[in-house]
Amino acid sequence: MISYDFPLNERMRTLLRLEDLYAKLLCFIERSSAIDHHAALNALFEVIEVASRSDLKSDLLQELERQKKHLSALYNNPEISEKALDAILNEIESTSNGLFNMSGKVGQHLRENEWLMGIKQRAGIPGGTCEFDLPSYHHWLHQDVMLRRDYLKTCLTPILPIFDGLAIILKLLRESGKAHHYLASQGSFQQMQCGRVAQMLRISLDKTLPCVPEVSANKYMLNIRFLSADYVAKSALFDQDVSFNLTFCSL
């Protein structure tokens, strides 16, 4: 199966974008080549761009506090494991403390680094980070892999509480709904919302099916079209029946 997450508000779009960027950043940091560490820096620049567009730290703290109150009310419920409940509440508490102790704007320590901001400026130009444009960066890329990796981790560490916070929220969000099975007749599916409120939709289908979902939704109606996964021509409606699972996720 392959799953697609579709955010239904701007806050969830931001969290999903950051989750994707953090995953790439952490992956590239652990690799060894200079090209991988160049990709890690690019991902880091994107993280601070996305994170600076909203009051992210405050939003995460408020949501974690709301989830803490909600989960704390589940104690003495015979269907809930208190051990698991303690674990997630301790995780929320630790992450909230980390976020609270963050000072200044997200990524401010990076913006104050003239060397990094010089690379960021050149990175926005196609081919702008060649050695004749940035000789000091070229020198850094030829240093020992451990030196480069330690430098990248030093840059990343101050903003890790953001990643920890969004990871908890997205985990709880994905686990909040129950998957239901549907059939899209000739590639199209429509459903009345009937007052249902969701922050994200998760669509799962067989990964061998040569189609991808396209979603449009409002508070009244949900429309899903499955388009042919054509990697050359413009995608068209996949005019066959598609079996899929749909989950409404809401905190």
Protein backbone atom coordinates (compact mmCIF):
# COMPACT_ATOMS: atom_id res chain seq x y z
CA MET A 1 0.00 0.00 0.00
CA ILE A 2 0.99 3.61 -0.54
CA SER A 3 -0.52 6.39 1.58
CA TYR A 4 -1.13 10.03 0.72
CA ASP A 5 -1.71 12.69 3.37
CA PHE A 6 -3.82 15.67 2.32
CA PRO A 7 -3.88 18.60 4.81
CA LEU A 8 -7.11 20.53 5.04
CA ASN A 9 -5.76 23.72 6.63
CA GLU A 10 -2.64 25.85 6.39
CA ARG A 11 -1.26 24.80 9.76
CA MET A 12 -1.23 21.12 8.75
CA ARG A 13 0.37 22.02 5.41
CA THR A 14 3.21 23.69 7.30
CA LEU A 15 3.69 20.72 9.64
CA LEU A 16 3.72 18.20 6.79
CA ARG A 17 6.19 20.28 4.79
CA LEU A 18 8.49 20.54 7.78
CA GLU A 19 8.20 16.82 8.49
CA ASP A 20 9.28 16.07 4.91
CA LEU A 21 12.19 18.53 5.08
CA TYR A 22 13.40 17.25 8.45
CA ALA A 23 13.37 13.66 7.15
CA LYS A 24 15.51 14.66 4.18
CA LEU A 25 17.82 16.75 6.36
CA LEU A 26 18.43 13.97 8.88
CA CYS A 27 19.00 11.45 6.08
CA PHE A 28 21.53 13.61 4.22
CA ILE A 29 23.44 14.49 7.42
CA GLU A 30 24.09 10.82 8.18
CA ARG A 31 25.51 10.19 4.71
CA SER A 32 29.17 10.80 3.96
CA SER A 33 29.67 12.49 0.61
CA ALA A 34 30.13 16.23 0.11
CA ILE A 35 27.13 16.25 -2.24
CA ASP A 36 24.94 14.76 0.51
CA HIS A 37 26.05 17.43 2.98
CA HIS A 38 25.38 20.11 0.38
CA ALA A 39 21.85 18.68 0.06
CA ALA A 40 21.56 18.71 3.87
CA LEU A 41 22.38 22.43 3.96
CA ASN A 42 19.80 23.14 1.26
CA ALA A 43 17.18 21.24 3.29
CA LEU A 44 18.20 23.22 6.39
CA PHE A 45 17.70 26.49 4.52
CA GLU A 46 14.23 25.33 3.46
CA VAL A 47 13.37 24.36 7.05
CA ILE A 48 14.09 27.85 8.38
CA GLU A 49 12.16 29.42 5.48
CA VAL A 50 9.03 27.35 6.15
CA ALA A 51 9.32 27.61 9.95
CA SER A 52 9.61 31.40 9.85
CA ARG A 53 6.30 31.91 8.03
CA SER A 54 4.10 31.40 11.08
CA ASP A 55 4.13 31.53 14.86
CA LEU A 56 5.13 27.89 14.83
CA LYS A 57 6.59 27.57 18.32
CA SER A 58 3.49 29.07 19.98
CA ASP A 59 1.13 26.90 17.89
CA LEU A 60 3.02 23.72 18.79
CA LEU A 61 3.06 24.58 22.51
CA GLN A 62 -0.67 25.28 22.53
CA GLU A 63 -1.51 22.07 20.68
CA LEU A 64 0.75 19.95 22.91
CA GLU A 65 -0.89 21.44 26.01
CA ARG A 66 -4.33 20.68 24.57
CA GLN A 67 -3.33 17.10 23.84
CA LYS A 68 -1.83 16.73 27.31
CA LYS A 69 -5.15 17.73 28.92
CA HIS A 70 -7.11 15.43 26.60
CA LEU A 71 -4.86 12.43 27.25
CA SER A 72 -4.67 13.03 31.01
CA ALA A 73 -8.45 12.63 31.15
CA LEU A 74 -8.08 9.05 29.89
CA TYR A 75 -6.56 7.76 33.12
CA ASN A 76 -8.67 5.03 34.79
CA ASN A 77 -10.12 4.06 31.42
CA PRO A 78 -9.91 0.23 31.35
CA GLU A 79 -9.41 0.26 27.57
CA ILE A 80 -6.31 2.45 27.81
CA SER A 81 -2.86 1.23 28.82
CA GLU A 82 -1.63 3.52 31.60
CA LYS A 83 1.96 2.59 30.75
CA ALA A 84 1.50 3.80 27.16
CA LEU A 85 -0.36 6.87 28.42
CA ASP A 86 2.48 7.73 30.81
CA ALA A 87 5.01 7.35 27.98
CA ILE A 88 3.26 9.76 25.59
CA LEU A 89 2.53 12.28 28.38
CA ASN A 90 6.18 12.24 29.45
CA GLU A 91 7.18 12.73 25.81
CA ILE A 92 4.81 15.69 25.49
CA GLU A 93 6.13 17.22 28.73
CA SER A 94 9.76 16.86 27.64
CA THR A 95 9.08 18.28 24.18
CA SER A 96 7.07 21.20 25.57
CA ASN A 97 9.96 22.08 27.87
CA GLY A 98 12.34 21.98 24.91
CA LEU A 99 10.11 24.30 22.89
CA PHE A 100 9.60 26.66 25.82
CA ASN A 101 13.35 26.96 26.31
CA MET A 102 13.93 27.93 22.68
CA SER A 103 14.86 31.60 22.51
CA GLY A 104 14.21 34.01 19.67
CA LYS A 105 12.77 33.32 16.25
CA VAL A 106 13.09 29.80 14.85
CA GLY A 107 16.44 29.54 13.08
CA GLN A 108 17.70 32.91 14.31
CA HIS A 109 21.11 31.41 15.15
CA LEU A 110 21.45 30.48 11.47
CA ARG A 111 20.37 33.89 10.19
CA GLU A 112 23.09 35.48 12.31
CA ASN A 113 25.75 33.32 10.65
CA GLU A 114 27.08 35.42 7.75
CA TRP A 115 28.89 32.47 6.18
CA LEU A 116 25.74 30.35 6.05
CA MET A 117 23.57 33.22 4.80
CA GLY A 118 26.09 33.84 2.02
CA ILE A 119 25.69 30.21 0.93
CA LYS A 120 21.90 30.46 1.23
CA GLN A 121 21.84 33.53 -1.00
CA ARG A 122 23.96 31.83 -3.66
CA ALA A 123 21.99 28.57 -3.37
CA GLY A 124 18.96 30.38 -4.79
CA ILE A 125 20.86 30.88 -8.06
CA PRO A 126 21.12 27.87 -10.43
CA GLY A 127 24.72 26.68 -10.17
CA GLY A 128 25.46 29.52 -7.75
CA THR A 129 27.48 27.48 -5.25
CA CYS A 130 30.38 26.52 -7.54
CA GLU A 131 33.89 26.81 -6.09
CA PHE A 132 34.65 30.05 -7.98
CA ASP A 133 31.56 31.67 -6.38
CA LEU A 134 32.09 30.32 -2.85
CA PRO A 135 35.70 29.18 -2.34
CA SER A 136 35.29 28.95 1.45
CA TYR A 137 32.28 26.65 0.99
CA HIS A 138 34.29 24.56 -1.49
CA HIS A 139 37.00 24.29 1.19
CA TRP A 140 34.43 23.17 3.80
CA LEU A 141 33.04 20.49 1.49
CA HIS A 142 36.54 19.01 1.21
CA GLN A 143 37.02 18.70 4.97
CA ASP A 144 36.75 15.43 6.88
CA VAL A 145 33.25 13.94 6.88
CA MET A 146 33.02 13.99 10.68
CA LEU A 147 33.87 17.69 10.79
CA ARG A 148 31.12 18.48 8.28
CA ARG A 149 28.60 16.23 10.03
CA ASP A 150 29.34 17.73 13.46
CA TYR A 151 28.93 21.24 12.02
CA LEU A 152 25.56 20.34 10.49
CA LYS A 153 24.35 18.76 13.73
CA THR A 154 25.43 21.87 15.63
CA CYS A 155 23.30 23.96 13.25
CA LEU A 156 20.35 21.59 13.60
CA THR A 157 20.33 21.01 17.38
CA PRO A 158 18.72 24.36 18.43
CA ILE A 159 15.66 23.71 16.22
CA LEU A 160 15.19 20.00 17.01
CA PRO A 161 12.41 20.77 19.56
CA ILE A 162 10.31 21.97 16.61
CA PHE A 163 10.73 18.60 14.91
CA ASP A 164 9.99 16.73 18.15
CA GLY A 165 6.80 18.75 18.65
CA LEU A 166 5.42 18.31 15.15
CA ALA A 167 6.33 14.60 15.21
CA ILE A 168 4.13 14.05 18.28
CA ILE A 169 1.23 16.05 16.84
CA LEU A 170 1.31 14.33 13.44
CA LYS A 171 1.58 10.91 15.10
CA LEU A 172 -1.50 11.61 17.23
CA LEU A 173 -3.29 13.05 14.21
CA ARG A 174 -2.62 10.00 12.03
CA GLU A 175 -3.76 7.67 14.81
CA SER A 176 -6.92 9.67 15.50
CA GLY A 177 -9.07 8.25 12.72
CA LYS A 178 -10.29 4.86 11.57
CA ALA A 179 -9.73 3.75 8.00
CA HIS A 180 -12.84 2.98 5.92
CA HIS A 181 -12.85 1.10 2.65
CA TYR A 182 -14.41 2.65 -0.47
CA LEU A 183 -14.59 2.15 -4.21
CA ALA A 184 -14.11 5.04 -6.63
CA SER A 185 -16.32 4.23 -9.61
CA GLN A 186 -14.38 4.88 -12.83
CA GLY A 187 -11.82 6.87 -10.88
CA SER A 188 -14.24 9.27 -9.13
CA PHE A 189 -15.53 9.40 -5.56
CA GLN A 190 -17.82 11.91 -3.87
CA GLN A 191 -19.11 12.09 -0.31
CA MET A 192 -21.16 14.59 1.68
CA GLN A 193 -19.32 15.83 4.75
CA CYS A 194 -22.47 15.94 6.93
CA GLY A 195 -20.81 18.15 9.52
CA ARG A 196 -17.67 16.01 9.75
CA VAL A 197 -14.61 18.10 10.65
CA ALA A 198 -11.13 16.90 9.74
CA GLN A 199 -7.69 18.44 9.62
CA MET A 200 -6.17 15.87 7.30
CA LEU A 201 -7.26 13.09 4.97
CA ARG A 202 -5.22 9.93 4.53
CA ILE A 203 -5.81 7.91 1.36
CA SER A 204 -4.22 4.48 0.98
CA LEU A 205 -4.28 2.24 -2.08
CA ASP A 206 -2.36 -0.55 -3.73
CA LYS A 207 0.98 0.88 -4.86
CA THR A 208 0.86 -1.16 -8.06
CA LEU A 209 -2.18 0.78 -9.28
CA PRO A 210 -1.02 3.28 -11.94
CA CYS A 211 -2.96 6.20 -10.49
CA VAL A 212 -2.72 8.94 -7.85
CA PRO A 213 -5.45 10.71 -5.87
CA GLU A 214 -6.42 14.35 -6.31
CA VAL A 215 -8.53 15.83 -3.51
CA SER A 216 -10.82 18.83 -3.23
CA ALA A 217 -12.78 19.32 -0.03
CA ASN A 218 -14.83 21.87 1.86
CA LYS A 219 -17.15 21.65 4.85
CA TYR A 220 -19.97 20.35 2.65
CA MET A 221 -18.43 17.96 0.14
CA LEU A 222 -15.40 15.74 -0.44
CA ASN A 223 -14.32 14.94 -3.99
CA ILE A 224 -11.55 12.50 -4.89
CA ARG A 225 -10.40 11.87 -8.44
CA PHE A 226 -7.82 9.28 -9.34
CA LEU A 227 -5.53 10.41 -12.14
CA SER A 228 -3.33 8.22 -14.30
CA ALA A 229 0.24 8.19 -13.02
CA ASP A 230 1.65 9.21 -16.38
CA TYR A 231 5.25 10.40 -16.06
CA VAL A 232 5.39 11.80 -19.60
CA ALA A 233 2.04 13.21 -20.71
CA LYS A 234 -0.44 15.31 -18.78
CA SER A 235 -2.38 13.21 -16.30
CA ALA A 236 -5.92 12.25 -17.22
CA LEU A 237 -8.72 10.63 -15.23
CA PHE A 238 -8.01 6.97 -14.47
CA ASP A 239 -11.31 5.61 -15.79
CA GLN A 240 -11.31 2.33 -13.88
CA ASP A 241 -12.73 1.40 -10.49
CA VAL A 242 -10.23 2.09 -7.70
CA SER A 243 -10.35 0.37 -4.32
CA PHE A 244 -8.94 2.55 -1.53
CA ASN A 245 -8.97 3.26 2.21
CA LEU A 246 -9.93 6.69 3.52
CA THR A 247 -9.17 8.05 7.01
CA PHE A 248 -10.48 11.33 8.42
CA CYS A 249 -7.85 12.58 10.86
CA SER A 250 -8.65 15.21 13.48
CA LEU A 251 -7.17 16.20 16.84
